[in-house]
N, C-alpha and C. Protein backbone atom coordinates (compact mmCIF):
# COMPACT_ATOMS: atom_id res chain seq x y z
N MET A 1 1.44 -5.58 -14.14
CA MET A 1 0.81 -6.46 -13.15
C MET A 1 1.66 -7.48 -12.64
N SER A 2 2.42 -8.15 -13.72
CA SER A 2 3.24 -9.30 -13.32
C SER A 2 4.40 -8.74 -12.51
N ALA A 3 5.04 -7.67 -12.73
CA ALA A 3 6.08 -7.10 -11.82
C ALA A 3 5.72 -6.83 -10.48
N ALA A 4 4.42 -6.28 -10.38
CA ALA A 4 3.79 -6.05 -8.97
C ALA A 4 3.73 -7.33 -8.25
N MET A 5 3.29 -8.51 -9.00
CA MET A 5 3.11 -9.67 -8.21
C MET A 5 4.55 -10.21 -7.89
N ASP A 6 5.53 -10.18 -8.79
CA ASP A 6 6.92 -10.73 -8.53
C ASP A 6 7.44 -10.03 -7.35
N ARG A 7 7.33 -8.69 -7.22
CA ARG A 7 7.75 -7.89 -6.12
C ARG A 7 7.09 -8.35 -4.78
N MET A 8 5.82 -8.52 -4.78
CA MET A 8 5.04 -8.92 -3.66
C MET A 8 5.56 -10.31 -3.23
N MET A 9 5.63 -11.19 -4.23
CA MET A 9 6.02 -12.55 -3.73
C MET A 9 7.40 -12.56 -3.16
N ALA A 10 8.38 -11.96 -3.79
CA ALA A 10 9.62 -11.84 -3.25
C ALA A 10 9.71 -11.17 -1.83
N GLY A 11 8.98 -10.02 -1.59
CA GLY A 11 8.90 -9.52 -0.43
C GLY A 11 8.40 -10.32 0.72
N MET A 12 7.63 -11.22 0.38
CA MET A 12 6.75 -12.01 1.46
C MET A 12 7.87 -13.13 1.86
N MET A 13 8.81 -13.43 1.23
CA MET A 13 9.83 -14.51 1.62
C MET A 13 10.79 -14.00 2.72
N VAL A 14 10.35 -13.89 3.81
CA VAL A 14 11.04 -13.40 4.94
C VAL A 14 11.52 -14.62 5.86
N LYS A 15 12.57 -14.56 6.46
CA LYS A 15 13.19 -15.46 7.22
C LYS A 15 12.45 -15.27 8.71
N PRO A 16 11.83 -16.34 9.36
CA PRO A 16 11.11 -16.06 10.50
C PRO A 16 12.17 -15.65 11.60
N SER A 17 11.68 -14.66 12.40
CA SER A 17 12.55 -14.06 13.24
C SER A 17 12.22 -14.77 14.76
N GLY A 18 11.05 -15.39 14.85
CA GLY A 18 10.71 -16.06 16.17
C GLY A 18 9.68 -15.05 16.83
N ASP A 19 9.54 -13.84 16.39
CA ASP A 19 8.52 -12.92 16.90
C ASP A 19 7.39 -12.90 15.86
N VAL A 20 6.28 -13.66 16.35
CA VAL A 20 5.18 -13.96 15.40
C VAL A 20 4.67 -12.52 14.88
N ASP A 21 4.37 -11.50 15.86
CA ASP A 21 3.90 -10.31 15.40
C ASP A 21 4.75 -9.63 14.37
N ARG A 22 5.94 -9.46 14.54
CA ARG A 22 6.89 -8.88 13.48
C ARG A 22 6.88 -9.72 12.33
N ASP A 23 6.86 -11.04 12.43
CA ASP A 23 6.97 -11.81 11.10
C ASP A 23 5.52 -11.69 10.29
N PHE A 24 4.47 -11.53 11.02
CA PHE A 24 3.22 -11.24 10.45
C PHE A 24 3.30 -9.88 9.68
N VAL A 25 3.82 -8.79 10.46
CA VAL A 25 3.83 -7.59 9.72
C VAL A 25 4.89 -7.65 8.50
N ALA A 26 6.06 -8.18 8.67
CA ALA A 26 7.01 -8.27 7.65
C ALA A 26 6.54 -9.01 6.34
N MET A 27 5.60 -10.03 6.50
CA MET A 27 5.05 -10.62 5.38
C MET A 27 3.77 -9.88 4.85
N MET A 28 3.04 -9.25 5.77
CA MET A 28 1.77 -8.54 5.21
C MET A 28 2.21 -7.20 4.49
N LEU A 29 3.11 -6.53 4.99
CA LEU A 29 3.56 -5.28 4.23
C LEU A 29 3.70 -5.41 2.65
N PRO A 30 4.48 -6.44 2.30
CA PRO A 30 4.78 -6.51 0.78
C PRO A 30 3.35 -7.01 0.30
N HIS A 31 2.48 -7.83 0.85
CA HIS A 31 1.25 -8.25 0.39
C HIS A 31 0.34 -6.99 0.12
N HIS A 32 0.22 -6.09 1.18
CA HIS A 32 -0.56 -4.91 1.02
C HIS A 32 0.09 -3.89 -0.04
N GLN A 33 1.38 -3.81 -0.11
CA GLN A 33 2.17 -2.95 -1.11
C GLN A 33 1.71 -3.57 -2.57
N GLY A 34 1.71 -4.80 -2.68
CA GLY A 34 1.44 -5.45 -3.96
C GLY A 34 -0.05 -5.11 -4.41
N ALA A 35 -0.92 -5.11 -3.51
CA ALA A 35 -2.19 -4.75 -3.74
C ALA A 35 -2.36 -3.25 -4.21
N ILE A 36 -1.58 -2.38 -3.51
CA ILE A 36 -1.50 -0.92 -3.97
C ILE A 36 -0.90 -0.87 -5.43
N ASP A 37 0.17 -1.47 -5.52
CA ASP A 37 0.79 -1.49 -6.85
C ASP A 37 -0.15 -2.00 -8.08
N MET A 38 -0.91 -3.00 -7.77
CA MET A 38 -1.72 -3.42 -8.78
C MET A 38 -3.02 -2.45 -8.97
N ALA A 39 -3.24 -1.88 -7.93
CA ALA A 39 -4.43 -0.93 -8.00
C ALA A 39 -4.08 0.29 -8.79
N VAL A 40 -2.77 0.72 -8.57
CA VAL A 40 -2.28 1.91 -9.34
C VAL A 40 -2.27 1.46 -10.82
N ALA A 41 -1.83 0.29 -11.15
CA ALA A 41 -1.79 -0.20 -12.56
C ALA A 41 -3.11 -0.03 -13.17
N GLU A 42 -4.19 -0.49 -12.33
CA GLU A 42 -5.62 -0.46 -12.86
C GLU A 42 -5.92 0.88 -13.12
N LEU A 43 -5.63 1.98 -12.16
CA LEU A 43 -6.01 3.35 -12.33
C LEU A 43 -5.26 4.03 -13.61
N ARG A 44 -4.14 3.61 -13.78
CA ARG A 44 -3.31 4.14 -14.92
C ARG A 44 -3.74 3.54 -16.27
N TYR A 45 -4.00 2.27 -16.34
CA TYR A 45 -4.19 1.65 -17.63
C TYR A 45 -5.47 1.01 -17.82
N GLY A 46 -6.43 0.85 -16.65
CA GLY A 46 -7.70 0.19 -16.90
C GLY A 46 -8.60 1.14 -17.48
N HIS A 47 -9.78 0.50 -18.09
CA HIS A 47 -10.83 1.20 -18.72
C HIS A 47 -12.15 1.10 -18.03
N ASN A 48 -12.32 0.13 -17.14
CA ASN A 48 -13.56 -0.02 -16.43
C ASN A 48 -13.81 1.04 -15.25
N GLU A 49 -14.61 1.87 -15.26
CA GLU A 49 -14.79 2.90 -14.25
C GLU A 49 -15.14 2.22 -12.88
N GLN A 50 -15.88 1.12 -12.80
CA GLN A 50 -16.31 0.55 -11.60
C GLN A 50 -15.04 -0.07 -10.92
N LEU A 51 -14.15 -0.69 -11.87
CA LEU A 51 -12.86 -1.22 -11.30
C LEU A 51 -12.01 -0.03 -10.85
N LYS A 52 -12.01 0.94 -11.47
CA LYS A 52 -11.00 1.93 -11.09
C LYS A 52 -11.47 2.52 -9.74
N ARG A 53 -12.71 2.64 -9.66
CA ARG A 53 -13.20 3.13 -8.25
C ARG A 53 -12.81 2.11 -7.07
N ILE A 54 -13.01 0.92 -7.34
CA ILE A 54 -12.60 -0.04 -6.44
C ILE A 54 -11.02 -0.03 -6.19
N ALA A 55 -10.23 0.15 -7.32
CA ALA A 55 -8.79 0.36 -7.12
C ALA A 55 -8.51 1.51 -6.17
N GLN A 56 -9.15 2.64 -6.35
CA GLN A 56 -8.99 3.83 -5.46
C GLN A 56 -9.27 3.42 -4.07
N GLU A 57 -10.18 2.73 -3.76
CA GLU A 57 -10.71 2.24 -2.41
C GLU A 57 -9.48 1.31 -1.78
N ILE A 58 -9.05 0.51 -2.61
CA ILE A 58 -8.01 -0.51 -2.33
C ILE A 58 -6.78 0.31 -1.95
N ILE A 59 -6.33 1.14 -2.56
CA ILE A 59 -5.20 2.04 -2.32
C ILE A 59 -5.38 2.77 -0.91
N ILE A 60 -6.55 3.31 -0.71
CA ILE A 60 -6.64 3.94 0.55
C ILE A 60 -6.79 2.93 1.74
N ASP A 61 -7.45 1.85 1.64
CA ASP A 61 -7.63 0.84 2.66
C ASP A 61 -6.21 0.16 3.10
N GLN A 62 -5.48 -0.18 1.93
CA GLN A 62 -4.12 -0.82 2.16
C GLN A 62 -3.20 0.09 2.78
N GLN A 63 -3.25 1.44 2.34
CA GLN A 63 -2.25 2.31 3.03
C GLN A 63 -2.70 2.57 4.53
N GLN A 64 -3.83 2.52 4.87
CA GLN A 64 -4.25 2.60 6.19
C GLN A 64 -3.89 1.47 7.04
N GLU A 65 -3.94 0.19 6.42
CA GLU A 65 -3.61 -0.98 7.08
C GLU A 65 -2.04 -1.10 7.34
N ILE A 66 -1.23 -0.62 6.31
CA ILE A 66 0.12 -0.56 6.41
C ILE A 66 0.57 0.22 7.63
N ALA A 67 0.04 1.52 7.75
CA ALA A 67 0.25 2.39 8.71
C ALA A 67 -0.11 1.80 10.15
N ALA A 68 -1.28 1.17 10.18
CA ALA A 68 -1.76 0.68 11.52
C ALA A 68 -0.71 -0.47 11.97
N MET A 69 -0.37 -1.36 11.02
CA MET A 69 0.58 -2.41 11.41
C MET A 69 1.86 -1.91 11.80
N LYS A 70 2.43 -0.95 11.08
CA LYS A 70 3.74 -0.32 11.49
C LYS A 70 3.58 0.24 12.86
N LEU A 71 2.57 1.08 13.09
CA LEU A 71 2.33 1.61 14.48
C LEU A 71 2.26 0.67 15.59
N ALA A 72 1.58 -0.56 15.29
CA ALA A 72 1.37 -1.51 16.26
C ALA A 72 2.60 -2.26 16.75
N ILE A 73 3.61 -2.30 15.89
CA ILE A 73 5.02 -2.81 16.25
C ILE A 73 6.00 -1.72 16.45
N GLY A 74 5.51 -0.49 16.66
CA GLY A 74 6.50 0.55 16.93
C GLY A 74 7.38 1.01 15.77
N GLN A 75 6.92 0.74 14.60
CA GLN A 75 7.86 1.19 13.42
C GLN A 75 7.41 2.66 13.15
N PRO A 76 8.40 3.63 12.83
CA PRO A 76 8.01 4.89 12.40
C PRO A 76 7.31 4.98 11.13
N LEU A 77 6.37 5.86 10.90
CA LEU A 77 5.67 6.00 9.67
C LEU A 77 6.58 7.00 8.83
N PRO A 78 6.63 6.79 7.52
CA PRO A 78 7.26 7.64 6.69
C PRO A 78 6.61 9.15 6.57
N PRO A 79 7.28 10.07 6.24
CA PRO A 79 6.50 11.46 6.18
C PRO A 79 5.48 11.25 5.12
N SER A 80 4.40 12.10 5.37
CA SER A 80 3.30 12.16 4.48
C SER A 80 3.65 12.62 3.05
N THR A 81 3.21 11.73 2.12
CA THR A 81 3.29 12.19 0.78
C THR A 81 1.91 11.93 -0.01
N PRO A 82 1.85 12.66 -1.20
CA PRO A 82 0.59 12.47 -1.81
C PRO A 82 0.24 10.95 -2.24
N ALA A 83 -0.96 10.63 -2.18
CA ALA A 83 -1.22 9.24 -2.66
C ALA A 83 -0.91 9.02 -4.13
N PRO A 84 -0.64 7.81 -4.55
CA PRO A 84 -0.24 7.72 -5.95
C PRO A 84 -1.34 8.24 -6.95
N THR A 85 -2.57 8.49 -6.53
CA THR A 85 -3.59 8.88 -7.40
C THR A 85 -3.78 10.41 -7.33
N GLN A 86 -3.05 11.14 -6.45
CA GLN A 86 -3.09 12.44 -6.21
C GLN A 86 -2.10 13.28 -6.87
N GLY A 87 -2.18 14.59 -7.14
CA GLY A 87 -1.30 15.46 -7.70
C GLY A 87 -0.15 15.89 -6.77
N GLY A 88 0.67 16.81 -7.14
CA GLY A 88 1.74 17.08 -6.23
C GLY A 88 1.50 17.87 -5.04
N GLY A 89 0.36 18.69 -4.90
CA GLY A 89 0.14 19.48 -3.85
C GLY A 89 -0.07 18.85 -2.61
N HIS A 90 0.48 19.29 -1.36
CA HIS A 90 0.12 18.69 -0.04
C HIS A 90 -1.03 19.41 0.67
N HIS A 91 -1.48 20.48 0.23
CA HIS A 91 -2.50 21.18 0.91
C HIS A 91 -3.84 20.77 0.59
N SER A 92 -4.66 20.63 1.51
CA SER A 92 -6.06 20.48 1.10
C SER A 92 -6.80 21.87 1.02
N PRO A 93 -7.88 21.76 0.09
CA PRO A 93 -8.54 23.15 -0.08
C PRO A 93 -8.92 23.77 1.21
N MET A 94 -9.15 23.10 2.25
CA MET A 94 -9.66 23.43 3.61
C MET A 94 -8.49 24.37 4.24
N GLU A 95 -7.26 24.19 3.90
CA GLU A 95 -6.13 24.86 4.66
C GLU A 95 -5.88 26.27 4.09
N HIS A 96 -6.59 26.81 2.98
CA HIS A 96 -6.47 28.03 2.49
C HIS A 96 -7.35 29.08 3.03
């Protein structure tokens, strides 16, 4: 948890570019990724089932917000990969 917080705080220390929109995204992306990292730690090591469900929701919500912010400023999205809580397969059961 501490490492996730340290990465988040370091990532948020960006030099202002003068473009408020880009600066907003540059500071929010590490904030959202920090929330994802902490939620993944909860899923892996936590014991409270209610908190683990909340952590799953946080991961999904934060990933969606990261994608929306990148699209809003014209940044490309990375190729689709499984969520940290999913297994290795890329196919949904509906594709077979």
